Amino acid sequence: MCNYSTKFNTCENVTVVIGYPRKIIVNARDESGIKMVKLFANDMLIGTAYNEPYEFNFEYRGFYKIKAVAIDNYDNIAFDTMDLFML
């Protein structure tokens, strides 16, 4: 669900990102449409996007548990998580 500007995988289930700009782009699709996408890092809300592309600036170095939450037009919720290490 998440794409990164520059990334490489170093070990299973962890993505390492190097370089700028540091943006997280969430791909969310639903037949009824997407009302909003929320992005969390270590359970803190980073931002909410209401229109495609669901894009978030993320400039912080360190290790994060990223969670993207998509809410469709009927208020159904889907989410995806990943571990992210920003250099």
PDB file of N, CA and C in Angstrom:
ATOM      1  N   MET A   1       0.824  -1.181   0.000  1.00  0.00           N
ATOM      2  CA  MET A   1       0.000   0.000   0.000  1.00  0.00           C
ATOM      3  C   MET A   1       0.871   1.248   0.000  1.00  0.00           C
ATOM      4  N   CYS A   2       2.064   1.195   0.483  1.00  0.00           N
ATOM      5  CA  CYS A   2       2.918   2.379   0.569  1.00  0.00           C
ATOM      6  C   CYS A   2       4.024   2.309  -0.472  1.00  0.00           C
ATOM      7  N   ASN A   3       4.329   3.435  -1.080  1.00  0.00           N
ATOM      8  CA  ASN A   3       5.450   3.556  -2.006  1.00  0.00           C
ATOM      9  C   ASN A   3       6.369   4.637  -1.476  1.00  0.00           C
ATOM     10  N   TYR A   4       7.645   4.542  -1.785  1.00  0.00           N
ATOM     11  CA  TYR A   4       8.614   5.495  -1.269  1.00  0.00           C
ATOM     12  C   TYR A   4       9.458   6.025  -2.404  1.00  0.00           C
ATOM     13  N   SER A   5       9.955   7.256  -2.258  1.00  0.00           N
ATOM     14  CA  SER A   5      10.719   7.896  -3.321  1.00  0.00           C
ATOM     15  C   SER A   5      12.001   7.143  -3.639  1.00  0.00           C
ATOM     16  N   THR A   6      12.744   6.731  -2.661  1.00  0.00           N
ATOM     17  CA  THR A   6      13.962   5.948  -2.842  1.00  0.00           C
ATOM     18  C   THR A   6      13.982   4.886  -1.758  1.00  0.00           C
ATOM     19  N   LYS A   7      14.098   3.624  -2.158  1.00  0.00           N
ATOM     20  CA  LYS A   7      14.060   2.593  -1.124  1.00  0.00           C
ATOM     21  C   LYS A   7      14.844   1.376  -1.564  1.00  0.00           C
ATOM     22  N   PHE A   8      15.211   0.576  -0.589  1.00  0.00           N
ATOM     23  CA  PHE A   8      15.743  -0.749  -0.860  1.00  0.00           C
ATOM     24  C   PHE A   8      15.438  -1.631   0.329  1.00  0.00           C
ATOM     25  N   ASN A   9      15.264  -2.902   0.084  1.00  0.00           N
ATOM     26  CA  ASN A   9      14.957  -3.839   1.158  1.00  0.00           C
ATOM     27  C   ASN A   9      16.248  -4.463   1.652  1.00  0.00           C
ATOM     28  N   THR A  10      16.436  -4.454   2.964  1.00  0.00           N
ATOM     29  CA  THR A  10      17.656  -5.009   3.535  1.00  0.00           C
ATOM     30  C   THR A  10      17.414  -6.312   4.271  1.00  0.00           C
ATOM     31  N   CYS A  11      16.249  -6.478   4.830  1.00  0.00           N
ATOM     32  CA  CYS A  11      15.908  -7.714   5.509  1.00  0.00           C
ATOM     33  C   CYS A  11      14.400  -7.885   5.431  1.00  0.00           C
ATOM     34  N   GLU A  12      13.937  -9.039   5.763  1.00  0.00           N
ATOM     35  CA  GLU A  12      12.531  -9.350   5.612  1.00  0.00           C
ATOM     36  C   GLU A  12      11.640  -8.377   6.386  1.00  0.00           C
ATOM     37  N   ASN A  13      10.660  -7.822   5.698  1.00  0.00           N
ATOM     38  CA  ASN A  13       9.614  -6.974   6.271  1.00  0.00           C
ATOM     39  C   ASN A  13      10.086  -5.619   6.776  1.00  0.00           C
ATOM     40  N   VAL A  14      11.274  -5.177   6.427  1.00  0.00           N
ATOM     41  CA  VAL A  14      11.731  -3.837   6.804  1.00  0.00           C
ATOM     42  C   VAL A  14      12.172  -3.117   5.540  1.00  0.00           C
ATOM     43  N   THR A  15      11.686  -1.900   5.338  1.00  0.00           N
ATOM     44  CA  THR A  15      12.086  -1.087   4.203  1.00  0.00           C
ATOM     45  C   THR A  15      12.975   0.029   4.700  1.00  0.00           C
ATOM     46  N   VAL A  16      14.096   0.247   4.027  1.00  0.00           N
ATOM     47  CA  VAL A  16      15.015   1.332   4.356  1.00  0.00           C
ATOM     48  C   VAL A  16      14.903   2.381   3.262  1.00  0.00           C
ATOM     49  N   VAL A  17      14.755   3.646   3.657  1.00  0.00           N
ATOM     50  CA  VAL A  17      14.612   4.738   2.701  1.00  0.00           C
ATOM     51  C   VAL A  17      15.786   5.685   2.856  1.00  0.00           C
ATOM     52  N   ILE A  18      16.423   6.015   1.725  1.00  0.00           N
ATOM     53  CA  ILE A  18      17.530   6.964   1.697  1.00  0.00           C
ATOM     54  C   ILE A  18      17.229   7.986   0.616  1.00  0.00           C
ATOM     55  N   GLY A  19      17.493   9.254   0.900  1.00  0.00           N
ATOM     56  CA  GLY A  19      17.334  10.281  -0.119  1.00  0.00           C
ATOM     57  C   GLY A  19      16.140  11.183   0.114  1.00  0.00           C
ATOM     58  N   TYR A  20      16.067  12.201  -0.712  1.00  0.00           N
ATOM     59  CA  TYR A  20      14.999  13.196  -0.630  1.00  0.00           C
ATOM     60  C   TYR A  20      14.397  13.367  -2.005  1.00  0.00           C
ATOM     61  N   PRO A  21      13.178  13.804  -2.188  1.00  0.00           N
ATOM     62  CA  PRO A  21      12.240  14.106  -1.105  1.00  0.00           C
ATOM     63  C   PRO A  21      11.727  12.823  -0.476  1.00  0.00           C
ATOM     64  N   ARG A  22      11.347  12.934   0.748  1.00  0.00           N
ATOM     65  CA  ARG A  22      10.809  11.780   1.470  1.00  0.00           C
ATOM     66  C   ARG A  22       9.299  11.926   1.528  1.00  0.00           C
ATOM     67  N   LYS A  23       8.647  11.224   0.668  1.00  0.00           N
ATOM     68  CA  LYS A  23       7.189  11.245   0.622  1.00  0.00           C
ATOM     69  C   LYS A  23       6.686   9.816   0.671  1.00  0.00           C
ATOM     70  N   ILE A  24       5.613   9.634   1.385  1.00  0.00           N
ATOM     71  CA  ILE A  24       4.940   8.349   1.415  1.00  0.00           C
ATOM     72  C   ILE A  24       3.679   8.503   0.585  1.00  0.00           C
ATOM     73  N   ILE A  25       3.524   7.638  -0.398  1.00  0.00           N
ATOM     74  CA  ILE A  25       2.350   7.657  -1.263  1.00  0.00           C
ATOM     75  C   ILE A  25       1.576   6.371  -1.012  1.00  0.00           C
ATOM     76  N   VAL A  26       0.319   6.528  -0.626  1.00  0.00           N
ATOM     77  CA  VAL A  26      -0.531   5.382  -0.326  1.00  0.00           C
ATOM     78  C   VAL A  26      -1.437   5.125  -1.524  1.00  0.00           C
ATOM     79  N   ASN A  27      -1.462   3.900  -1.993  1.00  0.00           N
ATOM     80  CA  ASN A  27      -2.364   3.492  -3.070  1.00  0.00           C
ATOM     81  C   ASN A  27      -3.588   2.855  -2.444  1.00  0.00           C
ATOM     82  N   ALA A  28      -4.743   3.489  -2.594  1.00  0.00           N
ATOM     83  CA  ALA A  28      -5.989   2.973  -2.033  1.00  0.00           C
ATOM     84  C   ALA A  28      -7.061   3.009  -3.114  1.00  0.00           C
ATOM     85  N   ARG A  29      -7.792   1.917  -3.259  1.00  0.00           N
ATOM     86  CA  ARG A  29      -8.854   1.813  -4.252  1.00  0.00           C
ATOM     87  C   ARG A  29     -10.063   1.132  -3.615  1.00  0.00           C
ATOM     88  N   ASP A  30     -11.253   1.577  -4.034  1.00  0.00           N
ATOM     89  CA  ASP A  30     -12.490   0.946  -3.605  1.00  0.00           C
ATOM     90  C   ASP A  30     -13.557   1.277  -4.638  1.00  0.00           C
ATOM     91  N   GLU A  31     -14.448   0.336  -4.917  1.00  0.00           N
ATOM     92  CA  GLU A  31     -15.504   0.565  -5.908  1.00  0.00           C
ATOM     93  C   GLU A  31     -16.390   1.742  -5.541  1.00  0.00           C
ATOM     94  N   SER A  32     -16.643   1.955  -4.245  1.00  0.00           N
ATOM     95  CA  SER A  32     -17.501   3.062  -3.809  1.00  0.00           C
ATOM     96  C   SER A  32     -16.754   4.384  -3.755  1.00  0.00           C
ATOM     97  N   GLY A  33     -15.426   4.319  -3.847  1.00  0.00           N
ATOM     98  CA  GLY A  33     -14.599   5.519  -3.733  1.00  0.00           C
ATOM     99  C   GLY A  33     -13.970   5.611  -2.355  1.00  0.00           C
ATOM    100  N   ILE A  34     -12.905   6.359  -2.269  1.00  0.00           N
ATOM    101  CA  ILE A  34     -12.187   6.554  -1.006  1.00  0.00           C
ATOM    102  C   ILE A  34     -12.530   7.929  -0.446  1.00  0.00           C
ATOM    103  N   LYS A  35     -12.999   7.947   0.792  1.00  0.00           N
ATOM    104  CA  LYS A  35     -13.316   9.205   1.467  1.00  0.00           C
ATOM    105  C   LYS A  35     -12.050   9.882   1.972  1.00  0.00           C
ATOM    106  N   MET A  36     -11.155   9.087   2.586  1.00  0.00           N
ATOM    107  CA  MET A  36      -9.914   9.651   3.116  1.00  0.00           C
ATOM    108  C   MET A  36      -8.921   8.546   3.413  1.00  0.00           C
ATOM    109  N   VAL A  37      -7.655   8.943   3.496  1.00  0.00           N
ATOM    110  CA  VAL A  37      -6.577   8.050   3.915  1.00  0.00           C
ATOM    111  C   VAL A  37      -5.828   8.750   5.035  1.00  0.00           C
ATOM    112  N   LYS A  38      -5.619   8.038   6.135  1.00  0.00           N
ATOM    113  CA  LYS A  38      -4.857   8.567   7.265  1.00  0.00           C
ATOM    114  C   LYS A  38      -3.550   7.800   7.370  1.00  0.00           C
ATOM    115  N   LEU A  39      -2.486   8.521   7.698  1.00  0.00           N
ATOM    116  CA  LEU A  39      -1.181   7.890   7.853  1.00  0.00           C
ATOM    117  C   LEU A  39      -0.689   8.102   9.274  1.00  0.00           C
ATOM    118  N   PHE A  40      -0.238   7.008   9.893  1.00  0.00           N
ATOM    119  CA  PHE A  40       0.274   7.033  11.257  1.00  0.00           C
ATOM    120  C   PHE A  40       1.711   6.536  11.270  1.00  0.00           C
ATOM    121  N   ALA A  41       2.529   7.118  12.131  1.00  0.00           N
ATOM    122  CA  ALA A  41       3.885   6.639  12.391  1.00  0.00           C
ATOM    123  C   ALA A  41       3.992   6.420  13.894  1.00  0.00           C
ATOM    124  N   ASN A  42       4.258   5.190  14.296  1.00  0.00           N
ATOM    125  CA  ASN A  42       4.298   4.831  15.723  1.00  0.00           C
ATOM    126  C   ASN A  42       3.042   5.302  16.445  1.00  0.00           C
ATOM    127  N   ASP A  43       1.897   5.082  15.825  1.00  0.00           N
ATOM    128  CA  ASP A  43       0.569   5.407  16.365  1.00  0.00           C
ATOM    129  C   ASP A  43       0.280   6.899  16.471  1.00  0.00           C
ATOM    130  N   MET A  44       1.131   7.752  15.921  1.00  0.00           N
ATOM    131  CA  MET A  44       0.857   9.196  15.879  1.00  0.00           C
ATOM    132  C   MET A  44       0.373   9.558  14.484  1.00  0.00           C
ATOM    133  N   LEU A  45      -0.719  10.323  14.403  1.00  0.00           N
ATOM    134  CA  LEU A  45      -1.258  10.735  13.113  1.00  0.00           C
ATOM    135  C   LEU A  45      -0.296  11.696  12.431  1.00  0.00           C
ATOM    136  N   ILE A  46       0.147  11.340  11.229  1.00  0.00           N
ATOM    137  CA  ILE A  46       1.033  12.189  10.434  1.00  0.00           C
ATOM    138  C   ILE A  46       0.214  13.132   9.569  1.00  0.00           C
ATOM    139  N   GLY A  47      -0.895  12.634   9.043  1.00  0.00           N
ATOM    140  CA  GLY A  47      -1.732  13.474   8.196  1.00  0.00           C
ATOM    141  C   GLY A  47      -2.913  12.711   7.641  1.00  0.00           C
ATOM    142  N   THR A  48      -3.811  13.473   7.009  1.00  0.00           N
ATOM    143  CA  THR A  48      -4.994  12.922   6.362  1.00  0.00           C
ATOM    144  C   THR A  48      -5.060  13.484   4.955  1.00  0.00           C
ATOM    145  N   ALA A  49      -5.281  12.618   3.980  1.00  0.00           N
ATOM    146  CA  ALA A  49      -5.406  13.041   2.582  1.00  0.00           C
ATOM    147  C   ALA A  49      -6.802  12.666   2.094  1.00  0.00           C
ATOM    148  N   TYR A  50      -7.431  13.602   1.375  1.00  0.00           N
ATOM    149  CA  TYR A  50      -8.794  13.400   0.905  1.00  0.00           C
ATOM    150  C   TYR A  50      -8.879  13.148  -0.593  1.00  0.00           C
ATOM    151  N   ASN A  51      -7.795  13.392  -1.314  1.00  0.00           N
ATOM    152  CA  ASN A  51      -7.788  13.239  -2.764  1.00  0.00           C
ATOM    153  C   ASN A  51      -6.527  12.524  -3.205  1.00  0.00           C
ATOM    154  N   GLU A  52      -6.639  11.814  -4.342  1.00  0.00           N
ATOM    155  CA  GLU A  52      -5.453  11.190  -4.929  1.00  0.00           C
ATOM    156  C   GLU A  52      -4.555  12.251  -5.528  1.00  0.00           C
ATOM    157  N   PRO A  53      -3.273  12.086  -5.501  1.00  0.00           N
ATOM    158  CA  PRO A  53      -2.573  10.987  -4.844  1.00  0.00           C
ATOM    159  C   PRO A  53      -2.580  11.185  -3.328  1.00  0.00           C
ATOM    160  N   TYR A  54      -2.718  10.104  -2.603  1.00  0.00           N
ATOM    161  CA  TYR A  54      -2.696  10.147  -1.139  1.00  0.00           C
ATOM    162  C   TYR A  54      -1.232  10.198  -0.728  1.00  0.00           C
ATOM    163  N   GLU A  55      -0.728  11.408  -0.605  1.00  0.00           N
ATOM    164  CA  GLU A  55       0.710  11.651  -0.466  1.00  0.00           C
ATOM    165  C   GLU A  55       0.990  12.385   0.841  1.00  0.00           C
ATOM    166  N   PHE A  56       2.044  11.948   1.526  1.00  0.00           N
ATOM    167  CA  PHE A  56       2.399  12.512   2.819  1.00  0.00           C
ATOM    168  C   PHE A  56       3.892  12.803   2.855  1.00  0.00           C
ATOM    169  N   ASN A  57       4.264  14.003   3.294  1.00  0.00           N
ATOM    170  CA  ASN A  57       5.675  14.325   3.514  1.00  0.00           C
ATOM    171  C   ASN A  57       6.103  13.693   4.830  1.00  0.00           C
ATOM    172  N   PHE A  58       7.288  13.090   4.821  1.00  0.00           N
ATOM    173  CA  PHE A  58       7.790  12.443   6.031  1.00  0.00           C
ATOM    174  C   PHE A  58       9.294  12.620   6.059  1.00  0.00           C
ATOM    175  N   GLU A  59       9.768  13.561   6.847  1.00  0.00           N
ATOM    176  CA  GLU A  59      11.175  13.974   6.835  1.00  0.00           C
ATOM    177  C   GLU A  59      11.974  13.495   8.042  1.00  0.00           C
ATOM    178  N   TYR A  60      11.429  12.592   8.828  1.00  0.00           N
ATOM    179  CA  TYR A  60      12.053  12.231  10.099  1.00  0.00           C
ATOM    180  C   TYR A  60      12.913  10.979   9.973  1.00  0.00           C
ATOM    181  N   ARG A  61      14.103  11.024  10.541  1.00  0.00           N
ATOM    182  CA  ARG A  61      14.990   9.865  10.548  1.00  0.00           C
ATOM    183  C   ARG A  61      14.641   8.955  11.712  1.00  0.00           C
ATOM    184  N   GLY A  62      14.888   7.667  11.521  1.00  0.00           N
ATOM    185  CA  GLY A  62      14.660   6.718  12.594  1.00  0.00           C
ATOM    186  C   GLY A  62      13.838   5.530  12.139  1.00  0.00           C
ATOM    187  N   PHE A  63      13.451   4.708  13.106  1.00  0.00           N
ATOM    188  CA  PHE A  63      12.677   3.501  12.845  1.00  0.00           C
ATOM    189  C   PHE A  63      11.221   3.763  13.188  1.00  0.00           C
ATOM    190  N   TYR A  64      10.320   3.401  12.290  1.00  0.00           N
ATOM    191  CA  TYR A  64       8.896   3.678  12.479  1.00  0.00           C
ATOM    192  C   TYR A  64       8.049   2.485  12.070  1.00  0.00           C
ATOM    193  N   LYS A  65       6.960   2.314  12.778  1.00  0.00           N
ATOM    194  CA  LYS A  65       5.895   1.403  12.368  1.00  0.00           C
ATOM    195  C   LYS A  65       4.877   2.290  11.652  1.00  0.00           C
ATOM    196  N   ILE A  66       4.779   2.132  10.340  1.00  0.00           N
ATOM    197  CA  ILE A  66       3.888   2.948   9.522  1.00  0.00           C
ATOM    198  C   ILE A  66       2.566   2.213   9.359  1.00  0.00           C
ATOM    199  N   LYS A  67       1.459   2.946   9.519  1.00  0.00           N
ATOM    200  CA  LYS A  67       0.129   2.378   9.320  1.00  0.00           C
ATOM    201  C   LYS A  67      -0.665   3.323   8.433  1.00  0.00           C
ATOM    202  N   ALA A  68      -1.160   2.809   7.316  1.00  0.00           N
ATOM    203  CA  ALA A  68      -2.025   3.572   6.424  1.00  0.00           C
ATOM    204  C   ALA A  68      -3.441   3.041   6.584  1.00  0.00           C
ATOM    205  N   VAL A  69      -4.380   3.946   6.830  1.00  0.00           N
ATOM    206  CA  VAL A  69      -5.778   3.577   7.043  1.00  0.00           C
ATOM    207  C   VAL A  69      -6.615   4.239   5.959  1.00  0.00           C
ATOM    208  N   ALA A  70      -7.329   3.435   5.176  1.00  0.00           N
ATOM    209  CA  ALA A  70      -8.206   3.950   4.125  1.00  0.00           C
ATOM    210  C   ALA A  70      -9.655   3.778   4.564  1.00  0.00           C
ATOM    211  N   ILE A  71     -10.444   4.830   4.376  1.00  0.00           N
ATOM    212  CA  ILE A  71     -11.864   4.810   4.722  1.00  0.00           C
ATOM    213  C   ILE A  71     -12.641   5.078   3.441  1.00  0.00           C
ATOM    214  N   ASP A  72     -13.548   4.156   3.086  1.00  0.00           N
ATOM    215  CA  ASP A  72     -14.292   4.335   1.842  1.00  0.00           C
ATOM    216  C   ASP A  72     -15.532   5.198   2.071  1.00  0.00           C
ATOM    217  N   ASN A  73     -16.297   5.409   1.012  1.00  0.00           N
ATOM    218  CA  ASN A  73     -17.466   6.287   1.089  1.00  0.00           C
ATOM    219  C   ASN A  73     -18.604   5.711   1.924  1.00  0.00           C
ATOM    220  N   TYR A  74     -18.518   4.426   2.297  1.00  0.00           N
ATOM    221  CA  TYR A  74     -19.497   3.814   3.197  1.00  0.00           C
ATOM    222  C   TYR A  74     -18.935   3.638   4.606  1.00  0.00           C
ATOM    223  N   ASP A  75     -17.816   4.284   4.878  1.00  0.00           N
ATOM    224  CA  ASP A  75     -17.139   4.240   6.177  1.00  0.00           C
ATOM    225  C   ASP A  75     -16.560   2.868   6.533  1.00  0.00           C
ATOM    226  N   ASN A  76     -16.353   2.014   5.537  1.00  0.00           N
ATOM    227  CA  ASN A  76     -15.600   0.780   5.765  1.00  0.00           C
ATOM    228  C   ASN A  76     -14.127   1.141   5.875  1.00  0.00           C
ATOM    229  N   ILE A  77     -13.405   0.421   6.708  1.00  0.00           N
ATOM    230  CA  ILE A  77     -12.003   0.739   6.986  1.00  0.00           C
ATOM    231  C   ILE A  77     -11.116  -0.440   6.588  1.00  0.00           C
ATOM    232  N   ALA A  78     -10.010  -0.107   5.928  1.00  0.00           N
ATOM    233  CA  ALA A  78      -8.968  -1.092   5.630  1.00  0.00           C
ATOM    234  C   ALA A  78      -7.635  -0.450   5.980  1.00  0.00           C
ATOM    235  N   PHE A  79      -6.663  -1.274   6.383  1.00  0.00           N
ATOM    236  CA  PHE A  79      -5.363  -0.707   6.732  1.00  0.00           C
ATOM    237  C   PHE A  79      -4.251  -1.657   6.335  1.00  0.00           C
ATOM    238  N   ASP A  80      -3.065  -1.095   6.268  1.00  0.00           N
ATOM    239  CA  ASP A  80      -1.859  -1.867   6.000  1.00  0.00           C
ATOM    240  C   ASP A  80      -0.749  -1.269   6.846  1.00  0.00           C
ATOM    241  N   THR A  81       0.190  -2.103   7.278  1.00  0.00           N
ATOM    242  CA  THR A  81       1.307  -1.630   8.097  1.00  0.00           C
ATOM    243  C   THR A  81       2.623  -2.097   7.499  1.00  0.00           C
ATOM    244  N   MET A  82       3.676  -1.401   7.860  1.00  0.00           N
ATOM    245  CA  MET A  82       5.023  -1.822   7.490  1.00  0.00           C
ATOM    246  C   MET A  82       6.022  -1.186   8.435  1.00  0.00           C
ATOM    247  N   ASP A  83       7.164  -1.825   8.571  1.00  0.00           N
ATOM    248  CA  ASP A  83       8.268  -1.261   9.339  1.00  0.00           C
ATOM    249  C   ASP A  83       9.134  -0.465   8.385  1.00  0.00           C
ATOM    250  N   LEU A  84       9.558   0.720   8.822  1.00  0.00           N
ATOM    251  CA  LEU A  84      10.300   1.634   7.960  1.00  0.00           C
ATOM    252  C   LEU A  84      11.478   2.220   8.725  1.00  0.00           C
ATOM    253  N   PHE A  85      12.640   2.207   8.099  1.00  0.00           N
ATOM    254  CA  PHE A  85      13.831   2.823   8.676  1.00  0.00           C
ATOM    255  C   PHE A  85      14.275   3.931   7.739  1.00  0.00           C
ATOM    256  N   MET A  86      14.228   5.178   8.218  1.00  0.00           N
ATOM    257  CA  MET A  86      14.580   6.352   7.420  1.00  0.00           C
ATOM    258  C   MET A  86      15.990   6.791   7.773  1.00  0.00           C
ATOM    259  N   LEU A  87      16.857   6.895   6.769  1.00  0.00           N
ATOM    260  CA  LEU A  87      18.231   7.364   6.970  1.00  0.00           C
ATOM    261  C   LEU A  87      18.366   8.795   6.519  1.00  0.00           C
TER     262      LEU A  87
END
